[in-house]
Every structure is written in structure tokens, then in C-alpha cells.
């Protein structure tokens, strides 16, 4: 990985912000400015920074290309590399804050992984774009400018990873991509946004605390040895064979259930069989908001299930994957989900 500085931003009095780039639509390129199709992760972090010369007035920038992919192709290996880099930068006294540029499709998942694995002493801000860099009215430059402004600000410290999109600031635990298109595609359905950017300063509405730092990246081991967890998406007439097939391959299953984490009788019975064989099972909801509590319609204690609470299925998958590195006991897993 290469490290470079952005020209024009060398004023010694400016704070130093590290930018870790992973690709995504914010680094995407179209055939023309009005084309609907594009290739994500097409320009380098140096090109991305150069496209926003106004950053030179905000901070000195230390840039690094960690990956350059569409975030649908984000991997656990990149997550581990990101967490390790964030940990190192957090210990660097010269660095004021860290920005991670990322595709929007799995941005919320990376943010939540970093919330569980990376220290949160300094500002850590994830940002993306809904329109590629070459679009007629690309949103990436404004989002990136806001991200650097937020990462250099003392008010963003001790809050865990923050996501900024379209001027809104969200926590890693609550944020979700809620629309397939349009620049206003991110929201926090349960907790609401935690703040907004007003010029170059954040206006925070609350005082969210970072989640417990339970899983340091250097203790997780090689990604090939991480527990395998899959998401089962509930729908009408979901059959048991889908669950049975996944249960034979994975260490854990997360049900993206209908309503408050439910599914067909056949699927629930299959999940019970999986749990009886030692596969960890977590019930979440496919609805996008609300709370999945224990025992609402299903006897989780008898079944050996874990209730996800407010976590989406995709975030429950991440927490279960990490928790399984410490325990497979359903009661202990439930305690982890309850105390995240």
C-alpha cells in the first residue's frame, strides 16, 4: 500500500487527516457524464483528492489506497486490513482523524465491523457517494469535503465510527442504506441521525457512545479461519431445504425474518434442527427497523435461538461472526447481542 500527500495542503498549522480509500461509486467512472452505467472503483485516491481542491484549506491529507472495488465485492480481508490501519493511525499522535471512502452498498457493514474491532479515540468517518465521480452532478466531492471537515473536528471524538452522507451524520450501529438510488439514500430508522454538518462544523443532536471494543484485529487470526455466517431471507412459502443446506455449510445463520423475526413453520423447524446440531441461530427482521426481542412469537430459550434486538440482519451477521470466535453458547451469545 502506498502513502502520499495531497499537494497544496502542506500548511503546518492545519490538522492531519488520514484518508483510507477502498473504491466504490465515489471513485466510479462513466462512459459519459450522463450515462446511467458506470464502473465503481476506477480512479485512485490521489485522483479523488485532486478532484476536491478545496480540501487544501481544511487539512493536510495522508492518503492510502487500501482497496479499489465496488463495495458489493468488499471482503473480510479488506475489513481486517482497514481495522489494522485504523488501529495504527489511532496511535499516531500526528493524525487528528481518519476518513474511509467506501462504496455505499456495504458501507454500513464496514462501519459496524470497525465499530466492533477498531479503537474509537479519534474521529473515524466513513463516506461514499450515490453518483460516480464523473456524473453531471456528482455528490462525492461535497460528501468527501464534509467527511474531512468532520474528521478534523474535536466534537467527533469518542463516538465510534460515523457515517456522513448528504450532510447527515449517522452512527455505525444505526445507519442503513434505505434506497437504491437518489442522493438521500441513508437513514437511521431506529435512532435517527446523530447530527448534521453546518458549514465545516458538526451540529450533534445526541451523545452516542462507541460500542465495546471486543475484537481487536490482531487477535482475530487469518480471515480463512473466521466463523462462517450466512443470512437466510424469509419469504412466503420458505421451505426447510434452504435452511438445511446452509446449516450444513455454515457455523451460524441469521434469519432476516418477516415481522419481528419470524418465518414459515418449516423454516423455523429447520432452524431448530440446526441449533440442536450446534449451529448458532440469530433472529433479525427484514423490515428495516424495529426491535426483535426474545420470545415474542417463538420460544427462543427452548429453540436455542438468539434475538438480534435492533440490529439489521446484515449487522447481526457481523456481530455473530465475531462473537463466535469467543463462544458458541446461545446464552452467552445473547448476552453479547444485548450489550453491544
Protein backbone atom coordinates (compact mmCIF):
# COMPACT_ATOMS: atom_id res chain seq x y z
CA UNK A 1 0.00 0.00 0.00
CA UNK A 2 1.32 3.43 -0.92
CA UNK A 3 1.07 6.60 1.08
CA UNK A 4 1.05 10.03 -0.49
CA UNK A 5 0.30 13.62 0.40
CA UNK A 6 -2.06 15.96 -1.42
CA UNK A 7 -0.25 18.93 -2.92
CA UNK A 8 -1.29 22.35 -1.73
CA UNK A 9 -2.25 21.10 1.72
CA UNK A 10 1.14 21.32 3.42
CA UNK A 11 0.44 24.22 5.80
CA UNK A 12 1.88 23.09 9.12
CA UNK A 13 -0.91 24.63 11.17
CA UNK A 14 -3.62 22.51 9.53
CA UNK A 15 -4.67 19.21 11.18
CA UNK A 16 -3.55 15.97 9.57
CA UNK A 17 -6.33 13.68 8.36
CA UNK A 18 -5.61 10.21 7.03
CA UNK A 19 -7.76 9.04 4.12
CA UNK A 20 -8.09 5.29 3.51
CA UNK A 21 -9.68 4.61 0.12
CA UNK A 22 -11.47 1.40 -0.79
CA UNK A 23 -13.14 2.32 -4.08
CA UNK A 24 -16.90 2.42 -4.61
CA UNK A 25 -19.15 4.72 -6.59
CA UNK A 26 -17.37 7.75 -5.17
CA UNK A 27 -14.40 6.55 -7.26
CA UNK A 28 -16.56 5.39 -10.18
CA UNK A 29 -16.30 6.40 -13.83
CA UNK A 30 -18.93 6.55 -16.59
CA UNK A 31 -18.54 6.47 -20.35
CA UNK A 32 -20.13 9.95 -20.36
CA UNK A 33 -21.35 12.40 -17.72
CA UNK A 34 -24.98 11.49 -18.38
CA UNK A 35 -24.63 7.72 -18.69
CA UNK A 36 -26.55 5.59 -16.22
CA UNK A 37 -23.97 2.79 -16.07
CA UNK A 38 -20.51 3.12 -14.53
CA UNK A 39 -17.59 1.12 -13.15
CA UNK A 40 -17.03 1.57 -9.42
CA UNK A 41 -13.52 1.85 -8.01
CA UNK A 42 -12.00 3.20 -11.22
CA UNK A 43 -9.95 6.19 -10.02
CA UNK A 44 -7.20 6.30 -7.44
CA UNK A 45 -7.30 8.04 -4.10
CA UNK A 46 -4.86 10.63 -5.47
CA UNK A 47 -7.25 11.43 -8.32
CA UNK A 48 -10.16 11.52 -5.90
CA UNK A 49 -8.44 14.03 -3.61
CA UNK A 50 -7.31 16.16 -6.55
CA UNK A 51 -10.93 16.49 -7.66
CA UNK A 52 -11.71 18.45 -4.48
CA UNK A 53 -9.01 21.16 -4.30
CA UNK A 54 -10.94 22.89 -1.52
CA UNK A 55 -9.68 20.18 0.84
CA UNK A 56 -6.36 22.03 0.91
CA UNK A 57 -7.95 24.65 3.13
CA UNK A 58 -9.26 22.09 5.62
CA UNK A 59 -6.42 19.72 6.41
CA UNK A 60 -3.16 18.12 5.44
CA UNK A 61 -4.06 14.78 3.93
CA UNK A 62 -2.23 11.46 4.15
CA UNK A 63 -3.79 9.14 1.59
CA UNK A 64 -3.65 5.39 1.18
CA UNK A 65 -5.28 3.01 -1.30
CA UNK A 66 -6.37 0.03 0.79
CA UNK A 67 -8.58 -1.41 -1.97
CA UNK A 68 -10.35 -0.20 -5.10
CA UNK A 69 -13.53 -2.23 -5.59
CA UNK A 70 -17.25 -1.84 -5.79
CA UNK A 71 -18.45 -2.44 -2.24
CA UNK A 72 -20.58 -5.39 -3.33
CA UNK A 73 -17.16 -7.06 -3.55
CA UNK A 74 -15.99 -5.95 -0.12
CA UNK A 75 -14.21 -8.80 1.67
CA UNK A 76 -13.33 -9.79 5.21
CA UNK A 77 -9.65 -9.45 4.24
CA UNK A 78 -10.14 -5.77 3.40
CA UNK A 79 -12.05 -5.32 6.66
CA UNK A 80 -9.16 -6.78 8.61
CA UNK A 81 -6.67 -4.56 6.79
CA UNK A 82 -8.82 -1.49 7.42
CA UNK A 83 -9.19 -2.26 11.12
CA UNK A 84 -5.43 -2.74 11.46
CA UNK A 85 -4.71 0.55 9.68
CA UNK A 86 -7.25 2.43 11.79
CA UNK A 87 -5.66 0.98 14.92
CA UNK A 88 -2.22 2.16 13.82
CA UNK A 89 -3.46 5.61 12.85
CA UNK A 90 -5.25 5.96 16.17
CA UNK A 91 -1.88 5.52 17.88
CA UNK A 92 -0.20 8.10 15.62
CA UNK A 93 -0.06 11.38 17.55
CA UNK A 94 0.25 13.37 14.33
CA UNK A 95 -3.11 12.22 12.99
CA UNK A 96 -6.22 14.13 14.02
CA UNK A 97 -8.79 11.85 12.37
CA UNK A 98 -9.40 9.17 9.74
CA UNK A 99 -11.69 9.12 6.70
CA UNK A 100 -12.60 5.90 4.88
CA UNK A 101 -14.01 6.30 1.37
CA UNK A 102 -16.29 3.40 0.52
CA UNK A 103 -18.99 2.17 -1.80
CA UNK A 104 -22.49 2.66 -0.45
CA UNK A 105 -23.80 -0.90 -0.90
CA UNK A 106 -21.98 -2.32 2.13
CA UNK A 107 -20.80 0.89 3.78
CA UNK A 108 -22.98 0.25 6.84
CA UNK A 109 -21.47 -3.21 7.26
CA UNK A 110 -17.89 -1.96 7.15
CA UNK A 111 -18.75 0.81 9.59
CA UNK A 112 -20.26 -1.69 12.03
CA UNK A 113 -17.29 -4.06 11.69
CA UNK A 114 -14.93 -1.19 12.52
CA UNK A 115 -17.14 -0.25 15.47
CA UNK A 116 -16.58 -3.74 16.89
CA UNK A 117 -12.88 -4.08 16.08
CA UNK A 118 -11.19 -0.67 15.87
CA UNK A 119 -10.50 1.81 18.68
CA UNK A 120 -12.66 4.90 18.75
CA UNK A 121 -10.49 7.54 20.43
CA UNK A 122 -10.08 9.70 17.32
CA UNK A 123 -12.73 10.70 14.79
CA UNK A 124 -13.35 7.91 12.28
CA UNK A 125 -15.63 8.87 9.39
CA UNK A 126 -16.89 6.70 6.53
CA UNK A 127 -18.20 8.35 3.38
CA UNK A 128 -19.40 7.39 -0.07
CA UNK A 129 -21.44 8.70 -2.97
CA UNK A 130 -24.57 7.69 -4.80
CA UNK A 131 -23.34 9.13 -8.10
CA UNK A 132 -19.99 8.31 -9.75
CA UNK A 133 -17.14 10.79 -9.85
CA UNK A 134 -17.77 11.65 -13.50
CA UNK A 135 -21.52 12.29 -13.12
CA UNK A 136 -23.01 15.61 -14.19
CA UNK A 137 -23.84 16.43 -10.56
CA UNK A 138 -21.65 14.08 -8.56
CA UNK A 139 -22.31 14.09 -4.82
CA UNK A 140 -18.93 12.63 -3.94
CA UNK A 141 -16.94 15.90 -3.73
CA UNK A 142 -19.36 17.53 -1.27
CA UNK A 143 -19.58 14.34 0.78
CA UNK A 144 -15.80 13.99 0.87
CA UNK A 145 -15.36 17.62 1.88
CA UNK A 146 -17.83 17.14 4.73
CA UNK A 147 -16.11 13.93 5.81
CA UNK A 148 -12.70 15.59 6.11
CA UNK A 149 -14.25 18.55 7.93
CA UNK A 150 -15.90 16.15 10.38
CA UNK A 151 -12.77 14.01 10.87
CA UNK A 152 -10.70 17.07 11.83
CA UNK A 153 -13.22 18.23 14.42
CA UNK A 154 -12.77 17.51 18.12
CA UNK A 155 -16.52 17.06 18.60
CA UNK A 156 -16.34 13.86 16.54
CA UNK A 157 -14.01 12.14 19.01
CA UNK A 158 -15.09 9.23 21.22
CA UNK A 159 -18.23 8.49 19.19
CA UNK A 160 -17.15 5.38 17.33
CA UNK A 161 -17.24 5.25 13.52
CA UNK A 162 -19.52 7.85 11.98
CA UNK A 163 -21.08 7.79 8.52
CA UNK A 164 -21.72 11.03 6.69
CA UNK A 165 -23.86 11.19 3.58
CA UNK A 166 -25.67 14.18 2.10
CA UNK A 167 -24.81 16.32 5.13
CA UNK A 168 -26.31 13.90 7.66
CA UNK A 169 -24.20 12.22 10.35
CA UNK A 170 -25.09 8.68 11.47
CA UNK A 171 -23.68 6.17 13.91
CA UNK A 172 -22.28 2.87 12.70
CA UNK A 173 -24.83 0.90 14.70
CA UNK A 174 -27.93 2.66 13.39
CA UNK A 175 -27.18 3.69 9.80
CA UNK A 176 -28.72 1.85 6.85
CA UNK A 177 -28.82 2.32 3.13
CA UNK A 178 -32.56 2.67 2.59
CA UNK A 179 -32.82 3.47 -1.13
CA UNK A 180 -31.30 2.03 -4.28
CA UNK A 181 -30.96 5.43 -5.94
CA UNK A 182 -31.02 9.13 -5.18
CA UNK A 183 -28.57 11.05 -3.00
CA UNK A 184 -30.75 10.89 0.12
CA UNK A 185 -30.27 7.14 0.43
CA UNK A 186 -29.07 6.77 4.03
CA UNK A 187 -31.04 6.93 7.26
CA UNK A 188 -31.02 5.64 10.82
CA UNK A 189 -34.56 4.26 11.14
CA UNK A 190 -34.41 3.42 14.85
CA UNK A 191 -32.19 6.04 16.45
CA UNK A 192 -32.29 8.81 13.86
CA UNK A 193 -29.30 10.73 12.57
CA UNK A 194 -26.93 11.86 15.29
CA UNK A 195 -26.13 15.20 13.69
CA UNK A 196 -25.68 17.35 10.60
CA UNK A 197 -22.87 19.38 9.11
CA UNK A 198 -23.29 23.15 9.27
CA UNK A 199 -20.60 24.51 7.00
CA UNK A 200 -17.38 22.89 8.21
CA UNK A 201 -18.68 22.19 11.73
CA UNK A 202 -20.82 19.33 13.02
CA UNK A 203 -24.00 20.00 14.94
CA UNK A 204 -24.66 16.93 17.07
CA UNK A 205 -28.12 16.11 18.38
CA UNK A 206 -27.00 13.43 20.81
CA UNK A 207 -24.04 11.87 22.58
CA UNK A 208 -23.75 8.36 21.17
CA UNK A 209 -21.10 6.24 22.83
CA UNK A 210 -18.82 3.86 20.94
CA UNK A 211 -19.58 0.18 21.24
CA UNK A 212 -17.35 -2.07 23.32
CA UNK A 213 -14.06 -2.78 21.55
CA UNK A 214 -14.15 -6.56 21.91
CA UNK A 215 -12.42 -7.89 18.82
CA UNK A 216 -9.00 -6.32 18.10
CA UNK A 217 -8.00 -7.15 14.53
CA UNK A 218 -4.67 -8.68 15.50
CA UNK A 219 -6.46 -11.24 17.70
CA UNK A 220 -8.89 -12.48 15.05
CA UNK A 221 -6.40 -14.59 13.13
CA UNK A 222 -6.46 -15.28 9.38
CA UNK A 223 -9.76 -14.47 7.69
CA UNK A 224 -9.88 -18.01 6.30
CA UNK A 225 -10.40 -19.22 9.85
CA UNK A 226 -13.17 -16.80 10.78
CA UNK A 227 -16.53 -18.45 11.53
CA UNK A 228 -18.82 -18.60 8.50
CA UNK A 229 -22.22 -16.97 8.92
CA UNK A 230 -24.97 -16.70 6.31
CA UNK A 231 -28.24 -14.76 6.15
CA UNK A 232 -31.50 -16.60 5.41
CA UNK A 233 -34.07 -14.26 3.91
CA UNK A 234 -37.63 -15.14 4.93
CA UNK A 235 -40.47 -15.01 2.41
CA UNK A 236 -43.84 -16.62 1.77
CA UNK A 237 -43.60 -20.42 1.48
CA UNK A 238 -39.95 -20.57 2.54
CA UNK A 239 -39.03 -24.26 2.58
CA UNK A 240 -36.83 -26.15 5.01
CA UNK A 241 -34.36 -27.36 2.40
CA UNK A 242 -32.86 -23.87 2.05
CA UNK A 243 -32.10 -23.74 5.77
CA UNK A 244 -30.91 -27.35 5.88
CA UNK A 245 -28.47 -26.76 3.02
CA UNK A 246 -26.98 -23.64 4.61
CA UNK A 247 -26.81 -25.23 8.05
CA UNK A 248 -24.56 -27.94 6.63
CA UNK A 249 -22.07 -25.34 5.40
CA UNK A 250 -22.06 -22.52 7.95
CA UNK A 251 -21.22 -22.03 11.63
CA UNK A 252 -24.05 -19.57 12.12
CA UNK A 253 -27.27 -18.47 10.46
CA UNK A 254 -29.07 -15.15 10.76
CA UNK A 255 -32.75 -15.15 9.88
CA UNK A 256 -33.86 -11.97 8.12
CA UNK A 257 -37.35 -12.78 9.26
CA UNK A 258 -40.74 -11.38 8.45
CA UNK A 259 -42.18 -9.05 11.06
CA UNK A 260 -40.39 -9.49 14.38
CA UNK A 261 -38.03 -12.19 13.13
CA UNK A 262 -40.41 -14.97 12.13
CA UNK A 263 -40.62 -17.38 9.21
CA UNK A 264 -42.66 -20.34 7.98
CA UNK A 265 -43.13 -23.24 10.38
CA UNK A 266 -40.98 -25.39 8.09
CA UNK A 267 -38.11 -22.89 8.16
CA UNK A 268 -38.32 -22.39 11.94
CA UNK A 269 -38.27 -26.15 12.47
CA UNK A 270 -35.19 -26.40 10.25
CA UNK A 271 -33.51 -23.63 12.22
CA UNK A 272 -34.29 -25.51 15.44
CA UNK A 273 -32.63 -28.60 13.99
CA UNK A 274 -29.62 -26.52 13.05
CA UNK A 275 -29.37 -25.04 16.54
CA UNK A 276 -29.61 -28.51 18.08
CA UNK A 277 -26.57 -29.52 15.98
CA UNK A 278 -24.54 -26.56 17.24
CA UNK A 279 -25.18 -24.01 14.50
CA UNK A 280 -25.68 -20.57 16.05
CA UNK A 281 -29.04 -19.06 15.03
CA UNK A 282 -29.95 -15.37 15.36
CA UNK A 283 -33.38 -13.95 14.58
CA UNK A 284 -33.48 -10.49 12.97
CA UNK A 285 -36.06 -8.72 10.81
CA UNK A 286 -36.17 -7.97 7.11
CA UNK A 287 -38.38 -4.90 7.70
CA UNK A 288 -35.54 -2.41 8.16
CA UNK A 289 -36.47 -1.08 11.60
CA UNK A 290 -37.98 -2.07 14.90
CA UNK A 291 -36.91 -4.44 17.65
CA UNK A 292 -36.63 -8.24 17.62
CA UNK A 293 -36.94 -9.34 21.24
CA UNK A 294 -36.79 -12.75 22.82
CA UNK A 295 -39.92 -14.85 22.97
CA UNK A 296 -42.35 -12.59 21.11
CA UNK A 297 -43.72 -15.40 18.91
CA UNK A 298 -41.01 -18.02 19.26
CA UNK A 299 -39.63 -19.61 22.43
CA UNK A 300 -36.01 -18.67 21.85
CA UNK A 301 -34.84 -20.38 25.01
CA UNK A 302 -36.29 -23.71 24.03
CA UNK A 303 -35.13 -23.38 20.41
CA UNK A 304 -31.63 -22.23 21.29
CA UNK A 305 -32.03 -19.01 19.29
CA UNK A 306 -30.60 -15.52 19.84
CA UNK A 307 -32.65 -12.36 19.31
CA UNK A 308 -30.93 -9.55 17.38
CA UNK A 309 -32.65 -6.61 19.06
CA UNK A 310 -32.41 -3.53 16.83
CA UNK A 311 -29.65 -4.87 14.61
CA UNK A 312 -30.40 -5.45 10.95
CA UNK A 313 -29.73 -8.92 9.60
CA UNK A 314 -26.55 -7.78 7.85
CA UNK A 315 -25.15 -6.26 11.04
CA UNK A 316 -26.29 -9.22 13.13
CA UNK A 317 -24.26 -11.40 10.77
CA UNK A 318 -21.12 -9.42 11.54
CA UNK A 319 -21.62 -9.47 15.30
CA UNK A 320 -22.39 -13.20 15.26
CA UNK A 321 -19.32 -13.93 13.15
CA UNK A 322 -17.08 -12.10 15.62
CA UNK A 323 -18.86 -13.43 18.71
CA UNK A 324 -18.40 -17.00 17.51
CA UNK A 325 -14.65 -16.51 17.84
CA UNK A 326 -15.27 -16.37 21.60
CA UNK A 327 -18.24 -18.62 22.33
CA UNK A 328 -20.91 -20.85 20.82
CA UNK A 329 -23.14 -20.90 23.88
CA UNK A 330 -26.55 -19.36 23.00
CA UNK A 331 -26.89 -17.70 26.41
CA UNK A 332 -23.50 -16.05 26.13
CA UNK A 333 -24.22 -15.06 22.55
CA UNK A 334 -27.47 -13.45 23.66
CA UNK A 335 -25.58 -11.51 26.34
CA UNK A 336 -23.19 -10.22 23.67
CA UNK A 337 -26.08 -9.09 21.48
CA UNK A 338 -27.75 -7.44 24.46
CA UNK A 339 -24.63 -5.50 25.45
CA UNK A 340 -23.27 -4.41 22.07
